[in-house]
Structures are given as C-alpha cells and as structure tokens.
Amino acid sequence: NDVLVSMLAHLSGFVIAFLGWIPPLAIYFARRGRSPFIRHHASEAANFQITMLIPYVLAGVAFFGLGIFFPSLSWIGYLLIALVWIVSIVFGVLGASGANRGAWSRYPVSIRLLK
C-alpha cells in the first residue's frame, strides 16, 4: 500500500501538467504521518512539481508573449511547454519506478520546500 501511494504521488504530477503539484501535496498532507516512505516520496514529488512551475510559467509567458507580438513564432512557446511536460513525465516515471523498487530516490533537480 505504501508503494502504491508513493507511486501515485509521482505519476499524478504530469497527468495534470502545470497543476501537477496538487495531487502529491494532497498525498503528503493526508499520509505524511502514516509512513516515512510515503512522506519521503510525496514530498519529493510535490517539491519537483512545484519546481516545475517555474519553467511552465516561463514557457507560458513565452507562448502568450510570442503569440501577441510575433504570432508566427508562438510555436516556440508551445514547444517549450511540451518539453517541460516531457521532462515532468520522464522524472515522474523514474521516481515512481524508484518507489516501486522500494528505493528512497530523490529528484536531481528540485527546490526542497517540503522535508
């Protein structure tokens, strides 16, 4: 059960794209006292998804800014959003597979807000 909940925290992040920090944060607050394993993985997933907000916002600004001022270049912002989403998927799957193996893995790029 701990492994399944931990995997859900990692995988739920990229399903909702830029709001992907909500499910792992909810899991963190709901289950942090039940298991150190769940607390670790939920905080890692939430920290990573909160960190991913920065490139999502920058890519969104690029998309809308280019769309307004240079409509023919707005595809660049769309491409940036897609790349951020792909990075989120790759690291989410890696985190979930680590949780599935029972490892206490960490994301390599993440602002540590929750411990």
Protein backbone atom coordinates (compact mmCIF):
# COMPACT_ATOMS: atom_id res chain seq x y z
CA ASN A 1 0.00 0.00 0.00
CA ASP A 2 2.84 2.43 0.81
CA VAL A 3 4.48 1.70 -2.54
CA LEU A 4 1.24 2.23 -4.46
CA VAL A 5 0.51 5.56 -2.77
CA SER A 6 4.11 6.67 -3.32
CA MET A 7 3.94 5.75 -7.00
CA LEU A 8 0.65 7.63 -7.32
CA ALA A 9 2.31 10.75 -5.89
CA HIS A 10 5.00 10.61 -8.57
CA LEU A 11 2.77 9.73 -11.51
CA SER A 12 -0.08 12.12 -10.76
CA GLY A 13 2.16 15.13 -11.27
CA PHE A 14 2.43 15.01 -15.03
CA VAL A 15 -1.17 13.99 -15.67
CA ILE A 16 -2.44 17.43 -14.69
CA ALA A 17 0.54 19.33 -16.22
CA PHE A 18 1.11 22.70 -14.54
CA LEU A 19 -1.29 21.85 -11.69
CA GLY A 20 0.60 18.62 -11.07
CA TRP A 21 1.79 19.76 -7.66
CA ILE A 22 -1.72 19.42 -6.16
CA PRO A 23 -2.05 15.57 -6.00
CA PRO A 24 1.39 14.90 -4.45
CA LEU A 25 0.87 17.75 -2.00
CA ALA A 26 -2.53 16.32 -1.02
CA ILE A 27 -0.96 12.88 -0.54
CA TYR A 28 1.82 14.47 1.52
CA PHE A 29 -0.60 16.18 3.90
CA ALA A 30 -3.01 13.24 4.07
CA ARG A 31 -0.46 10.45 4.60
CA ARG A 32 2.74 12.02 5.94
CA GLY A 33 2.18 10.71 9.46
CA ARG A 34 1.42 7.14 8.43
CA SER A 35 4.66 6.18 6.75
CA PRO A 36 8.12 7.73 6.38
CA PHE A 37 8.31 6.11 2.93
CA ILE A 38 5.13 7.83 1.73
CA ARG A 39 6.22 11.10 3.32
CA HIS A 40 9.55 10.96 1.51
CA HIS A 41 8.13 10.16 -1.92
CA ALA A 42 5.17 12.53 -1.66
CA SER A 43 7.44 15.39 -0.59
CA GLU A 44 9.90 14.60 -3.39
CA ALA A 45 7.11 14.53 -5.96
CA ALA A 46 5.50 17.71 -4.62
CA ASN A 47 8.83 19.55 -4.46
CA PHE A 48 9.64 18.55 -8.03
CA GLN A 49 6.23 19.54 -9.36
CA ILE A 50 6.37 22.89 -7.53
CA THR A 51 9.83 23.41 -9.04
CA MET A 52 8.40 22.61 -12.47
CA LEU A 53 6.00 25.55 -12.08
CA ILE A 54 8.91 27.88 -12.86
CA PRO A 55 9.60 26.55 -16.38
CA TYR A 56 5.85 26.12 -17.01
CA VAL A 57 5.25 29.80 -16.21
CA LEU A 58 8.23 30.91 -18.31
CA ALA A 59 7.09 28.76 -21.24
CA GLY A 60 3.54 30.08 -20.87
CA VAL A 61 4.79 33.66 -20.89
CA ALA A 62 6.84 32.88 -24.00
CA PHE A 63 3.82 31.27 -25.65
CA PHE A 64 1.47 34.19 -24.96
CA GLY A 65 4.10 36.88 -25.48
CA LEU A 66 5.20 35.47 -28.80
CA GLY A 67 1.57 34.87 -29.75
CA ILE A 68 0.72 38.52 -29.16
CA PHE A 69 3.82 40.20 -30.58
CA PHE A 70 5.12 37.60 -33.04
CA PRO A 71 2.25 35.22 -33.88
CA SER A 72 4.33 33.27 -36.36
CA LEU A 73 6.76 32.35 -33.56
CA SER A 74 4.21 31.28 -30.93
CA TRP A 75 5.06 27.64 -31.73
CA ILE A 76 8.28 28.16 -29.76
CA GLY A 77 6.32 28.71 -26.55
CA TYR A 78 4.17 25.69 -27.30
CA LEU A 79 7.31 23.61 -27.88
CA LEU A 80 8.75 24.81 -24.55
CA ILE A 81 5.55 23.82 -22.72
CA ALA A 82 5.69 20.38 -24.36
CA LEU A 83 9.36 19.94 -23.40
CA VAL A 84 8.66 20.83 -19.77
CA TRP A 85 5.80 18.35 -19.76
CA ILE A 86 8.05 15.62 -21.21
CA VAL A 87 10.70 16.30 -18.54
CA SER A 88 7.96 16.03 -15.92
CA ILE A 89 6.84 12.69 -17.36
CA VAL A 90 10.35 11.25 -17.51
CA PHE A 91 11.28 12.24 -13.96
CA GLY A 92 7.84 11.22 -12.64
CA VAL A 93 8.21 7.74 -14.14
CA LEU A 94 11.74 7.46 -12.74
CA GLY A 95 10.50 8.50 -9.30
CA ALA A 96 7.61 6.04 -9.45
CA SER A 97 9.88 3.20 -10.53
CA GLY A 98 12.19 4.02 -7.64
CA ALA A 99 9.24 3.90 -5.24
CA ASN A 100 8.13 0.62 -6.80
CA ARG A 101 11.57 -0.87 -6.09
CA GLY A 102 11.40 0.38 -2.50
CA ALA A 103 14.22 2.89 -3.07
CA TRP A 104 14.37 6.24 -1.30
CA SER A 105 15.14 8.10 -4.50
CA ARG A 106 15.41 11.86 -4.99
CA TYR A 107 14.83 14.10 -7.97
CA PRO A 108 18.11 15.55 -9.24
CA VAL A 109 16.62 19.00 -9.91
CA SER A 110 14.21 20.18 -7.25
CA ILE A 111 13.73 23.02 -4.80
CA ARG A 112 13.36 21.38 -1.40
CA LEU A 113 10.35 23.10 0.17
CA LEU A 114 8.85 20.10 1.95
CA LYS A 115 11.02 17.78 4.02
